[in-house]
Amino acid sequence: MDLSLSTRTESGRSVVAVGGEIDVYTAPRLRDQLVELVDSGHYHIVVDMREVEFLDSTGLGVLVGGLKRVGQHDGSLRLVCNQERILKIFRITGLTKVFPIHETLEEAVAATETP
């Protein structure tokens, strides 16, 4: 399966909707999207992962890198994830302490700091 990416603005935040697999082959596309957003001044990002079916360590690394990048600008990177198999990866790696993870996009957008 491939990776689908789409970006839009919602309530002043950049929302990146991701679907499919985030792995060693597709993760660079997500990384490039996050870098492009930050480089163009978007520091409050929500990554909507509700349609993600697979996530490996490369994908986790891209998300951590995105968090570090927005952090350099006092920004935020929030995740939307409601699938137990993906949430389990964040719990096992301890990344639930690093990322704010929300069940719905509405929660994530409402919780994101005002840009």
PDB file of N, CA and C in Angstrom:
ATOM      1  N   MET A   1       0.832  -1.183   0.000  1.00  0.00           N
ATOM      2  CA  MET A   1       0.000   0.000   0.000  1.00  0.00           C
ATOM      3  C   MET A   1       0.873   1.241   0.000  1.00  0.00           C
ATOM      4  N   ASP A   2       0.406   2.267  -0.631  1.00  0.00           N
ATOM      5  CA  ASP A   2       1.143   3.517  -0.746  1.00  0.00           C
ATOM      6  C   ASP A   2       0.731   4.466   0.373  1.00  0.00           C
ATOM      7  N   LEU A   3       1.258   5.648   0.318  1.00  0.00           N
ATOM      8  CA  LEU A   3       0.960   6.689   1.287  1.00  0.00           C
ATOM      9  C   LEU A   3       0.142   7.776   0.612  1.00  0.00           C
ATOM     10  N   SER A   4      -0.932   8.200   1.255  1.00  0.00           N
ATOM     11  CA  SER A   4      -1.679   9.349   0.745  1.00  0.00           C
ATOM     12  C   SER A   4      -1.482  10.498   1.719  1.00  0.00           C
ATOM     13  N   LEU A   5      -1.274  11.682   1.154  1.00  0.00           N
ATOM     14  CA  LEU A   5      -1.057  12.890   1.950  1.00  0.00           C
ATOM     15  C   LEU A   5      -1.917  14.006   1.395  1.00  0.00           C
ATOM     16  N   SER A   6      -2.557  14.735   2.271  1.00  0.00           N
ATOM     17  CA  SER A   6      -3.227  15.964   1.856  1.00  0.00           C
ATOM     18  C   SER A   6      -3.102  16.957   2.993  1.00  0.00           C
ATOM     19  N   THR A   7      -2.970  18.215   2.634  1.00  0.00           N
ATOM     20  CA  THR A   7      -2.778  19.264   3.635  1.00  0.00           C
ATOM     21  C   THR A   7      -3.824  20.342   3.435  1.00  0.00           C
ATOM     22  N   ARG A   8      -4.351  20.805   4.546  1.00  0.00           N
ATOM     23  CA  ARG A   8      -5.317  21.902   4.504  1.00  0.00           C
ATOM     24  C   ARG A   8      -5.148  22.719   5.780  1.00  0.00           C
ATOM     25  N   THR A   9      -5.777  23.875   5.805  1.00  0.00           N
ATOM     26  CA  THR A   9      -5.762  24.711   6.997  1.00  0.00           C
ATOM     27  C   THR A   9      -7.128  24.638   7.643  1.00  0.00           C
ATOM     28  N   GLU A  10      -7.125  24.458   8.949  1.00  0.00           N
ATOM     29  CA  GLU A  10      -8.372  24.390   9.695  1.00  0.00           C
ATOM     30  C   GLU A  10      -8.191  25.180  10.984  1.00  0.00           C
ATOM     31  N   SER A  11      -8.999  26.207  11.157  1.00  0.00           N
ATOM     32  CA  SER A  11      -8.931  27.070  12.345  1.00  0.00           C
ATOM     33  C   SER A  11      -7.513  27.596  12.570  1.00  0.00           C
ATOM     34  N   GLY A  12      -6.826  27.952  11.510  1.00  0.00           N
ATOM     35  CA  GLY A  12      -5.492  28.525  11.617  1.00  0.00           C
ATOM     36  C   GLY A  12      -4.382  27.516  11.842  1.00  0.00           C
ATOM     37  N   ARG A  13      -4.703  26.226  11.811  1.00  0.00           N
ATOM     38  CA  ARG A  13      -3.693  25.182  11.979  1.00  0.00           C
ATOM     39  C   ARG A  13      -3.527  24.419  10.675  1.00  0.00           C
ATOM     40  N   SER A  14      -2.354  23.906  10.450  1.00  0.00           N
ATOM     41  CA  SER A  14      -2.116  23.066   9.272  1.00  0.00           C
ATOM     42  C   SER A  14      -2.445  21.631   9.643  1.00  0.00           C
ATOM     43  N   VAL A  15      -3.338  21.031   8.869  1.00  0.00           N
ATOM     44  CA  VAL A  15      -3.731  19.647   9.101  1.00  0.00           C
ATOM     45  C   VAL A  15      -3.180  18.801   7.961  1.00  0.00           C
ATOM     46  N   VAL A  16      -2.380  17.806   8.301  1.00  0.00           N
ATOM     47  CA  VAL A  16      -1.842  16.873   7.319  1.00  0.00           C
ATOM     48  C   VAL A  16      -2.575  15.547   7.512  1.00  0.00           C
ATOM     49  N   ALA A  17      -3.427  15.206   6.558  1.00  0.00           N
ATOM     50  CA  ALA A  17      -4.150  13.932   6.614  1.00  0.00           C
ATOM     51  C   ALA A  17      -3.293  12.871   5.941  1.00  0.00           C
ATOM     52  N   VAL A  18      -3.013  11.809   6.675  1.00  0.00           N
ATOM     53  CA  VAL A  18      -2.137  10.746   6.189  1.00  0.00           C
ATOM     54  C   VAL A  18      -2.923   9.440   6.135  1.00  0.00           C
ATOM     55  N   GLY A  19      -2.735   8.698   5.054  1.00  0.00           N
ATOM     56  CA  GLY A  19      -3.386   7.404   4.934  1.00  0.00           C
ATOM     57  C   GLY A  19      -2.435   6.381   4.359  1.00  0.00           C
ATOM     58  N   GLY A  20      -2.689   5.114   4.659  1.00  0.00           N
ATOM     59  CA  GLY A  20      -1.859   4.041   4.118  1.00  0.00           C
ATOM     60  C   GLY A  20      -0.752   3.646   5.068  1.00  0.00           C
ATOM     61  N   GLU A  21       0.427   3.452   4.527  1.00  0.00           N
ATOM     62  CA  GLU A  21       1.566   2.973   5.305  1.00  0.00           C
ATOM     63  C   GLU A  21       2.650   4.033   5.408  1.00  0.00           C
ATOM     64  N   ILE A  22       3.124   4.256   6.630  1.00  0.00           N
ATOM     65  CA  ILE A  22       4.268   5.143   6.849  1.00  0.00           C
ATOM     66  C   ILE A  22       5.434   4.230   7.198  1.00  0.00           C
ATOM     67  N   ASP A  23       6.279   3.980   6.212  1.00  0.00           N
ATOM     68  CA  ASP A  23       7.396   3.060   6.408  1.00  0.00           C
ATOM     69  C   ASP A  23       8.660   3.622   5.773  1.00  0.00           C
ATOM     70  N   VAL A  24       9.679   2.807   5.720  1.00  0.00           N
ATOM     71  CA  VAL A  24      10.978   3.255   5.211  1.00  0.00           C
ATOM     72  C   VAL A  24      10.886   3.808   3.784  1.00  0.00           C
ATOM     73  N   TYR A  25       9.917   3.332   3.005  1.00  0.00           N
ATOM     74  CA  TYR A  25       9.781   3.769   1.623  1.00  0.00           C
ATOM     75  C   TYR A  25       8.945   5.037   1.479  1.00  0.00           C
ATOM     76  N   THR A  26       7.931   5.198   2.335  1.00  0.00           N
ATOM     77  CA  THR A  26       7.011   6.318   2.171  1.00  0.00           C
ATOM     78  C   THR A  26       7.254   7.471   3.150  1.00  0.00           C
ATOM     79  N   ALA A  27       7.940   7.201   4.253  1.00  0.00           N
ATOM     80  CA  ALA A  27       8.161   8.223   5.279  1.00  0.00           C
ATOM     81  C   ALA A  27       8.846   9.492   4.755  1.00  0.00           C
ATOM     82  N   PRO A  28       9.776   9.388   3.790  1.00  0.00           N
ATOM     83  CA  PRO A  28      10.388  10.623   3.288  1.00  0.00           C
ATOM     84  C   PRO A  28       9.370  11.620   2.705  1.00  0.00           C
ATOM     85  N   ARG A  29       8.284  11.123   2.143  1.00  0.00           N
ATOM     86  CA  ARG A  29       7.252  12.038   1.620  1.00  0.00           C
ATOM     87  C   ARG A  29       6.597  12.819   2.750  1.00  0.00           C
ATOM     88  N   LEU A  30       6.318  12.145   3.859  1.00  0.00           N
ATOM     89  CA  LEU A  30       5.746  12.831   5.016  1.00  0.00           C
ATOM     90  C   LEU A  30       6.751  13.824   5.584  1.00  0.00           C
ATOM     91  N   ARG A  31       8.002  13.407   5.703  1.00  0.00           N
ATOM     92  CA  ARG A  31       9.044  14.309   6.200  1.00  0.00           C
ATOM     93  C   ARG A  31       9.128  15.566   5.339  1.00  0.00           C
ATOM     94  N   ASP A  32       9.141  15.392   4.024  1.00  0.00           N
ATOM     95  CA  ASP A  32       9.221  16.544   3.118  1.00  0.00           C
ATOM     96  C   ASP A  32       8.033  17.481   3.306  1.00  0.00           C
ATOM     97  N   GLN A  33       6.844  16.908   3.520  1.00  0.00           N
ATOM     98  CA  GLN A  33       5.647  17.721   3.727  1.00  0.00           C
ATOM     99  C   GLN A  33       5.765  18.532   5.015  1.00  0.00           C
ATOM    100  N   LEU A  34       6.223  17.893   6.089  1.00  0.00           N
ATOM    101  CA  LEU A  34       6.378  18.600   7.360  1.00  0.00           C
ATOM    102  C   LEU A  34       7.446  19.690   7.262  1.00  0.00           C
ATOM    103  N   VAL A  35       8.561  19.386   6.618  1.00  0.00           N
ATOM    104  CA  VAL A  35       9.632  20.375   6.439  1.00  0.00           C
ATOM    105  C   VAL A  35       9.112  21.562   5.637  1.00  0.00           C
ATOM    106  N   GLU A  36       8.382  21.279   4.575  1.00  0.00           N
ATOM    107  CA  GLU A  36       7.840  22.350   3.734  1.00  0.00           C
ATOM    108  C   GLU A  36       6.889  23.248   4.531  1.00  0.00           C
ATOM    109  N   LEU A  37       6.045  22.653   5.352  1.00  0.00           N
ATOM    110  CA  LEU A  37       5.116  23.445   6.164  1.00  0.00           C
ATOM    111  C   LEU A  37       5.878  24.363   7.120  1.00  0.00           C
ATOM    112  N   VAL A  38       6.840  23.811   7.841  1.00  0.00           N
ATOM    113  CA  VAL A  38       7.593  24.606   8.812  1.00  0.00           C
ATOM    114  C   VAL A  38       8.397  25.687   8.094  1.00  0.00           C
ATOM    115  N   ASP A  39       9.032  25.325   6.984  1.00  0.00           N
ATOM    116  CA  ASP A  39       9.825  26.307   6.234  1.00  0.00           C
ATOM    117  C   ASP A  39       8.972  27.448   5.698  1.00  0.00           C
ATOM    118  N   SER A  40       7.678  27.205   5.509  1.00  0.00           N
ATOM    119  CA  SER A  40       6.801  28.272   5.009  1.00  0.00           C
ATOM    120  C   SER A  40       6.031  28.951   6.151  1.00  0.00           C
ATOM    121  N   GLY A  41       6.477  28.725   7.387  1.00  0.00           N
ATOM    122  CA  GLY A  41       5.928  29.467   8.520  1.00  0.00           C
ATOM    123  C   GLY A  41       4.752  28.842   9.238  1.00  0.00           C
ATOM    124  N   HIS A  42       4.474  27.577   8.985  1.00  0.00           N
ATOM    125  CA  HIS A  42       3.377  26.878   9.672  1.00  0.00           C
ATOM    126  C   HIS A  42       3.968  26.084  10.831  1.00  0.00           C
ATOM    127  N   TYR A  43       3.765  26.583  12.048  1.00  0.00           N
ATOM    128  CA  TYR A  43       4.403  25.979  13.210  1.00  0.00           C
ATOM    129  C   TYR A  43       3.447  25.208  14.110  1.00  0.00           C
ATOM    130  N   HIS A  44       2.162  25.229  13.808  1.00  0.00           N
ATOM    131  CA  HIS A  44       1.168  24.477  14.579  1.00  0.00           C
ATOM    132  C   HIS A  44       0.527  23.473  13.623  1.00  0.00           C
ATOM    133  N   ILE A  45       0.941  22.235  13.771  1.00  0.00           N
ATOM    134  CA  ILE A  45       0.571  21.186  12.819  1.00  0.00           C
ATOM    135  C   ILE A  45      -0.173  20.059  13.532  1.00  0.00           C
ATOM    136  N   VAL A  46      -1.215  19.577  12.879  1.00  0.00           N
ATOM    137  CA  VAL A  46      -1.939  18.405  13.342  1.00  0.00           C
ATOM    138  C   VAL A  46      -1.769  17.325  12.276  1.00  0.00           C
ATOM    139  N   VAL A  47      -1.258  16.169  12.657  1.00  0.00           N
ATOM    140  CA  VAL A  47      -1.116  15.045  11.732  1.00  0.00           C
ATOM    141  C   VAL A  47      -2.270  14.083  12.009  1.00  0.00           C
ATOM    142  N   ASP A  48      -3.172  14.004  11.059  1.00  0.00           N
ATOM    143  CA  ASP A  48      -4.352  13.146  11.177  1.00  0.00           C
ATOM    144  C   ASP A  48      -3.985  11.750  10.670  1.00  0.00           C
ATOM    145  N   MET A  49      -3.831  10.815  11.606  1.00  0.00           N
ATOM    146  CA  MET A  49      -3.368   9.467  11.277  1.00  0.00           C
ATOM    147  C   MET A  49      -4.491   8.431  11.345  1.00  0.00           C
ATOM    148  N   ARG A  50      -5.735   8.859  11.298  1.00  0.00           N
ATOM    149  CA  ARG A  50      -6.850   7.910  11.440  1.00  0.00           C
ATOM    150  C   ARG A  50      -6.907   6.896  10.308  1.00  0.00           C
ATOM    151  N   GLU A  51      -6.321   7.225   9.145  1.00  0.00           N
ATOM    152  CA  GLU A  51      -6.352   6.303   8.002  1.00  0.00           C
ATOM    153  C   GLU A  51      -5.027   5.570   7.805  1.00  0.00           C
ATOM    154  N   VAL A  52      -4.113   5.700   8.771  1.00  0.00           N
ATOM    155  CA  VAL A  52      -2.824   5.013   8.682  1.00  0.00           C
ATOM    156  C   VAL A  52      -3.022   3.550   9.070  1.00  0.00           C
ATOM    157  N   GLU A  53      -2.519   2.666   8.229  1.00  0.00           N
ATOM    158  CA  GLU A  53      -2.683   1.235   8.472  1.00  0.00           C
ATOM    159  C   GLU A  53      -1.413   0.574   8.992  1.00  0.00           C
ATOM    160  N   PHE A  54      -0.276   1.238   8.806  1.00  0.00           N
ATOM    161  CA  PHE A  54       0.992   0.670   9.250  1.00  0.00           C
ATOM    162  C   PHE A  54       1.949   1.801   9.552  1.00  0.00           C
ATOM    163  N   LEU A  55       2.721   1.643  10.621  1.00  0.00           N
ATOM    164  CA  LEU A  55       3.707   2.648  11.016  1.00  0.00           C
ATOM    165  C   LEU A  55       4.938   1.922  11.522  1.00  0.00           C
ATOM    166  N   ASP A  56       6.109   2.223  10.943  1.00  0.00           N
ATOM    167  CA  ASP A  56       7.340   1.589  11.425  1.00  0.00           C
ATOM    168  C   ASP A  56       8.237   2.630  12.089  1.00  0.00           C
ATOM    169  N   SER A  57       9.438   2.194  12.474  1.00  0.00           N
ATOM    170  CA  SER A  57      10.350   3.078  13.201  1.00  0.00           C
ATOM    171  C   SER A  57      10.785   4.277  12.367  1.00  0.00           C
ATOM    172  N   THR A  58      10.854   4.119  11.057  1.00  0.00           N
ATOM    173  CA  THR A  58      11.210   5.249  10.196  1.00  0.00           C
ATOM    174  C   THR A  58      10.121   6.312  10.279  1.00  0.00           C
ATOM    175  N   GLY A  59       8.868   5.874  10.262  1.00  0.00           N
ATOM    176  CA  GLY A  59       7.748   6.803  10.388  1.00  0.00           C
ATOM    177  C   GLY A  59       7.758   7.512  11.728  1.00  0.00           C
ATOM    178  N   LEU A  60       8.042   6.761  12.796  1.00  0.00           N
ATOM    179  CA  LEU A  60       8.144   7.381  14.120  1.00  0.00           C
ATOM    180  C   LEU A  60       9.242   8.440  14.127  1.00  0.00           C
ATOM    181  N   GLY A  61      10.360   8.125  13.493  1.00  0.00           N
ATOM    182  CA  GLY A  61      11.464   9.074  13.425  1.00  0.00           C
ATOM    183  C   GLY A  61      11.085  10.353  12.702  1.00  0.00           C
ATOM    184  N   VAL A  62      10.308  10.229  11.649  1.00  0.00           N
ATOM    185  CA  VAL A  62       9.852  11.412  10.903  1.00  0.00           C
ATOM    186  C   VAL A  62       8.963  12.274  11.798  1.00  0.00           C
ATOM    187  N   LEU A  63       8.068  11.648  12.546  1.00  0.00           N
ATOM    188  CA  LEU A  63       7.190  12.406  13.444  1.00  0.00           C
ATOM    189  C   LEU A  63       7.992  13.104  14.543  1.00  0.00           C
ATOM    190  N   VAL A  64       8.962  12.406  15.120  1.00  0.00           N
ATOM    191  CA  VAL A  64       9.810  13.019  16.148  1.00  0.00           C
ATOM    192  C   VAL A  64      10.596  14.188  15.549  1.00  0.00           C
ATOM    193  N   GLY A  65      11.120  13.994  14.337  1.00  0.00           N
ATOM    194  CA  GLY A  65      11.831  15.081  13.666  1.00  0.00           C
ATOM    195  C   GLY A  65      10.941  16.287  13.416  1.00  0.00           C
ATOM    196  N   GLY A  66       9.690  16.028  13.040  1.00  0.00           N
ATOM    197  CA  GLY A  66       8.736  17.119  12.835  1.00  0.00           C
ATOM    198  C   GLY A  66       8.456  17.862  14.131  1.00  0.00           C
ATOM    199  N   LEU A  67       8.341  17.115  15.225  1.00  0.00           N
ATOM    200  CA  LEU A  67       8.111  17.724  16.535  1.00  0.00           C
ATOM    201  C   LEU A  67       9.282  18.627  16.923  1.00  0.00           C
ATOM    202  N   LYS A  68      10.493  18.149  16.701  1.00  0.00           N
ATOM    203  CA  LYS A  68      11.684  18.951  17.008  1.00  0.00           C
ATOM    204  C   LYS A  68      11.714  20.214  16.149  1.00  0.00           C
ATOM    205  N   ARG A  69      11.353  20.072  14.883  1.00  0.00           N
ATOM    206  CA  ARG A  69      11.382  21.209  13.955  1.00  0.00           C
ATOM    207  C   ARG A  69      10.389  22.300  14.380  1.00  0.00           C
ATOM    208  N   VAL A  70       9.152  21.918  14.708  1.00  0.00           N
ATOM    209  CA  VAL A  70       8.182  22.941  15.134  1.00  0.00           C
ATOM    210  C   VAL A  70       8.558  23.498  16.501  1.00  0.00           C
ATOM    211  N   GLY A  71       9.184  22.658  17.337  1.00  0.00           N
ATOM    212  CA  GLY A  71       9.609  23.106  18.656  1.00  0.00           C
ATOM    213  C   GLY A  71      10.625  24.228  18.607  1.00  0.00           C
ATOM    214  N   GLN A  72      11.428  24.272  17.557  1.00  0.00           N
ATOM    215  CA  GLN A  72      12.413  25.348  17.391  1.00  0.00           C
ATOM    216  C   GLN A  72      11.737  26.695  17.175  1.00  0.00           C
ATOM    217  N   HIS A  73      10.444  26.667  16.855  1.00  0.00           N
ATOM    218  CA  HIS A  73       9.679  27.891  16.607  1.00  0.00           C
ATOM    219  C   HIS A  73       8.546  28.037  17.624  1.00  0.00           C
ATOM    220  N   ASP A  74       8.688  27.364  18.769  1.00  0.00           N
ATOM    221  CA  ASP A  74       7.647  27.346  19.803  1.00  0.00           C
ATOM    222  C   ASP A  74       6.309  26.893  19.241  1.00  0.00           C
ATOM    223  N   GLY A  75       6.367  25.955  18.316  1.00  0.00           N
ATOM    224  CA  GLY A  75       5.157  25.429  17.690  1.00  0.00           C
ATOM    225  C   GLY A  75       4.692  24.151  18.358  1.00  0.00           C
ATOM    226  N   SER A  76       3.762  23.471  17.704  1.00  0.00           N
ATOM    227  CA  SER A  76       3.217  22.227  18.242  1.00  0.00           C
ATOM    228  C   SER A  76       2.960  21.244  17.114  1.00  0.00           C
ATOM    229  N   LEU A  77       3.081  19.985  17.440  1.00  0.00           N
ATOM    230  CA  LEU A  77       2.722  18.921  16.513  1.00  0.00           C
ATOM    231  C   LEU A  77       1.863  17.937  17.296  1.00  0.00           C
ATOM    232  N   ARG A  78       0.607  17.873  16.930  1.00  0.00           N
ATOM    233  CA  ARG A  78      -0.347  16.996  17.601  1.00  0.00           C
ATOM    234  C   ARG A  78      -0.759  15.896  16.646  1.00  0.00           C
ATOM    235  N   LEU A  79      -1.082  14.740  17.203  1.00  0.00           N
ATOM    236  CA  LEU A  79      -1.483  13.601  16.393  1.00  0.00           C
ATOM    237  C   LEU A  79      -2.945  13.266  16.648  1.00  0.00           C
ATOM    238  N   VAL A  80      -3.612  12.810  15.595  1.00  0.00           N
ATOM    239  CA  VAL A  80      -4.960  12.268  15.726  1.00  0.00           C
ATOM    240  C   VAL A  80      -4.851  10.790  15.371  1.00  0.00           C
ATOM    241  N   CYS A  81      -5.179   9.948  16.327  1.00  0.00           N
ATOM    242  CA  CYS A  81      -5.083   8.509  16.109  1.00  0.00           C
ATOM    243  C   CYS A  81      -6.103   7.812  16.992  1.00  0.00           C
ATOM    244  N   ASN A  82      -6.923   6.972  16.381  1.00  0.00           N
ATOM    245  CA  ASN A  82      -7.931   6.250  17.160  1.00  0.00           C
ATOM    246  C   ASN A  82      -7.863   4.736  16.916  1.00  0.00           C
ATOM    247  N   GLN A  83      -6.772   4.297  16.319  1.00  0.00           N
ATOM    248  CA  GLN A  83      -6.616   2.866  16.039  1.00  0.00           C
ATOM    249  C   GLN A  83      -5.690   2.238  17.071  1.00  0.00           C
ATOM    250  N   GLU A  84      -6.178   1.225  17.743  1.00  0.00           N
ATOM    251  CA  GLU A  84      -5.430   0.592  18.826  1.00  0.00           C
ATOM    252  C   GLU A  84      -4.067   0.070  18.365  1.00  0.00           C
ATOM    253  N   ARG A  85      -3.991  -0.515  17.169  1.00  0.00           N
ATOM    254  CA  ARG A  85      -2.706  -1.095  16.735  1.00  0.00           C
ATOM    255  C   ARG A  85      -1.642  -0.021  16.522  1.00  0.00           C
ATOM    256  N   ILE A  86      -2.050   1.180  16.130  1.00  0.00           N
ATOM    257  CA  ILE A  86      -1.084   2.275  15.961  1.00  0.00           C
ATOM    258  C   ILE A  86      -0.786   2.912  17.324  1.00  0.00           C
ATOM    259  N   LEU A  87      -1.804   3.100  18.144  1.00  0.00           N
ATOM    260  CA  LEU A  87      -1.600   3.669  19.480  1.00  0.00           C
ATOM    261  C   LEU A  87      -0.650   2.800  20.308  1.00  0.00           C
ATOM    262  N   LYS A  88      -0.732   1.505  20.124  1.00  0.00           N
ATOM    263  CA  LYS A  88       0.127   0.576  20.859  1.00  0.00           C
ATOM    264  C   LYS A  88       1.602   0.855  20.582  1.00  0.00           C
ATOM    265  N   ILE A  89       1.920   1.201  19.350  1.00  0.00           N
ATOM    266  CA  ILE A  89       3.305   1.520  18.976  1.00  0.00           C
ATOM    267  C   ILE A  89       3.793   2.732  19.770  1.00  0.00           C
ATOM    268  N   PHE A  90       2.928   3.746  19.893  1.00  0.00           N
ATOM    269  CA  PHE A  90       3.305   4.945  20.651  1.00  0.00           C
ATOM    270  C   PHE A  90       3.470   4.620  22.142  1.00  0.00           C
ATOM    271  N   ARG A  91       2.617   3.748  22.668  1.00  0.00           N
ATOM    272  CA  ARG A  91       2.724   3.366  24.082  1.00  0.00           C
ATOM    273  C   ARG A  91       4.002   2.572  24.336  1.00  0.00           C
ATOM    274  N   ILE A  92       4.285   1.584  23.498  1.00  0.00           N
ATOM    275  CA  ILE A  92       5.459   0.723  23.682  1.00  0.00           C
ATOM    276  C   ILE A  92       6.750   1.537  23.631  1.00  0.00           C
ATOM    277  N   THR A  93       6.800   2.519  22.736  1.00  0.00           N
ATOM    278  CA  THR A  93       8.013   3.327  22.571  1.00  0.00           C
ATOM    279  C   THR A  93       8.098   4.484  23.561  1.00  0.00           C
ATOM    280  N   GLY A  94       7.051   4.688  24.344  1.00  0.00           N
ATOM    281  CA  GLY A  94       7.051   5.796  25.297  1.00  0.00           C
ATOM    282  C   GLY A  94       6.728   7.139  24.673  1.00  0.00           C
ATOM    283  N   LEU A  95       6.356   7.141  23.410  1.00  0.00           N
ATOM    284  CA  LEU A  95       6.105   8.404  22.716  1.00  0.00           C
ATOM    285  C   LEU A  95       4.764   9.036  23.074  1.00  0.00           C
ATOM    286  N   THR A  96       3.940   8.326  23.848  1.00  0.00           N
ATOM    287  CA  THR A  96       2.698   8.959  24.327  1.00  0.00           C
ATOM    288  C   THR A  96       3.025  10.083  25.305  1.00  0.00           C
ATOM    289  N   LYS A  97       4.242  10.056  25.863  1.00  0.00           N
ATOM    290  CA  LYS A  97       4.675  11.124  26.767  1.00  0.00           C
ATOM    291  C   LYS A  97       5.247  12.308  25.997  1.00  0.00           C
ATOM    292  N   VAL A  98       5.514  12.105  24.724  1.00  0.00           N
ATOM    293  CA  VAL A  98       6.134  13.134  23.896  1.00  0.00           C
ATOM    294  C   VAL A  98       5.109  13.839  23.016  1.00  0.00           C
ATOM    295  N   PHE A  99       4.190  13.066  22.470  1.00  0.00           N
ATOM    296  CA  PHE A  99       3.181  13.611  21.553  1.00  0.00           C
ATOM    297  C   PHE A  99       1.823  13.739  22.227  1.00  0.00           C
ATOM    298  N   PRO A 100       1.156  14.879  22.029  1.00  0.00           N
ATOM    299  CA  PRO A 100      -0.256  14.939  22.396  1.00  0.00           C
ATOM    300  C   PRO A 100      -1.023  14.133  21.339  1.00  0.00           C
ATOM    301  N   ILE A 101      -1.746  13.098  21.776  1.00  0.00           N
ATOM    302  CA  ILE A 101      -2.488  12.246  20.850  1.00  0.00           C
ATOM    303  C   ILE A 101      -3.974  12.370  21.158  1.00  0.00           C
ATOM    304  N   HIS A 102      -4.744  12.697  20.131  1.00  0.00           N
ATOM    305  CA  HIS A 102      -6.181  12.923  20.278  1.00  0.00           C
ATOM    306  C   HIS A 102      -6.959  11.892  19.474  1.00  0.00           C
ATOM    307  N   GLU A 103      -8.184  11.605  19.926  1.00  0.00           N
ATOM    308  CA  GLU A 103      -9.035  10.654  19.215  1.00  0.00           C
ATOM    309  C   GLU A 103      -9.696  11.270  17.996  1.00  0.00           C
ATOM    310  N   THR A 104      -9.985  12.575  18.059  1.00  0.00           N
ATOM    311  CA  THR A 104     -10.673  13.229  16.939  1.00  0.00           C
ATOM    312  C   THR A 104      -9.888  14.441  16.458  1.00  0.00           C
ATOM    313  N   LEU A 105     -10.122  14.779  15.216  1.00  0.00           N
ATOM    314  CA  LEU A 105      -9.489  15.968  14.639  1.00  0.00           C
ATOM    315  C   LEU A 105      -9.978  17.220  15.358  1.00  0.00           C
ATOM    316  N   GLU A 106     -11.244  17.242  15.704  1.00  0.00           N
ATOM    317  CA  GLU A 106     -11.808  18.408  16.385  1.00  0.00           C
ATOM    318  C   GLU A 106     -11.089  18.679  17.699  1.00  0.00           C
ATOM    319  N   GLU A 107     -10.828  17.613  18.470  1.00  0.00           N
ATOM    320  CA  GLU A 107     -10.100  17.755  19.735  1.00  0.00           C
ATOM    321  C   GLU A 107      -8.707  18.318  19.502  1.00  0.00           C
ATOM    322  N   ALA A 108      -8.018  17.777  18.509  1.00  0.00           N
ATOM    323  CA  ALA A 108      -6.639  18.200  18.239  1.00  0.00           C
ATOM    324  C   ALA A 108      -6.585  19.653  17.806  1.00  0.00           C
ATOM    325  N   VAL A 109      -7.488  20.062  16.947  1.00  0.00           N
ATOM    326  CA  VAL A 109      -7.491  21.450  16.476  1.00  0.00           C
ATOM    327  C   VAL A 109      -7.847  22.396  17.611  1.00  0.00           C
ATOM    328  N   ALA A 110      -8.812  22.023  18.438  1.00  0.00           N
ATOM    329  CA  ALA A 110      -9.227  22.869  19.551  1.00  0.00           C
ATOM    330  C   ALA A 110      -8.116  22.989  20.604  1.00  0.00           C
ATOM    331  N   ALA A 111      -7.331  21.921  20.780  1.00  0.00           N
ATOM    332  CA  ALA A 111      -6.300  21.903  21.817  1.00  0.00           C
ATOM    333  C   ALA A 111      -5.021  22.577  21.386  1.00  0.00           C
ATOM    334  N   THR A 112      -4.822  22.733  20.103  1.00  0.00           N
ATOM    335  CA  THR A 112      -3.575  23.315  19.617  1.00  0.00           C
ATOM    336  C   THR A 112      -3.491  24.768  20.020  1.00  0.00           C
ATOM    337  N   GLU A 113      -2.310  25.149  20.478  1.00  0.00           N
ATOM    338  CA  GLU A 113      -2.080  26.527  20.870  1.00  0.00           C
ATOM    339  C   GLU A 113      -2.391  27.451  19.702  1.00  0.00           C
ATOM    340  N   THR A 114      -2.812  28.633  20.039  1.00  0.00           N
ATOM    341  CA  THR A 114      -3.125  29.621  19.000  1.00  0.00           C
ATOM    342  C   THR A 114      -1.824  30.060  18.334  1.00  0.00           C
ATOM    343  N   PRO A 115      -1.803  30.036  17.012  1.00  0.00           N
ATOM    344  CA  PRO A 115      -0.584  30.453  16.295  1.00  0.00           C
ATOM    345  C   PRO A 115      -0.265  31.905  16.531  1.00  0.00           C
TER     346      PRO A 115
END
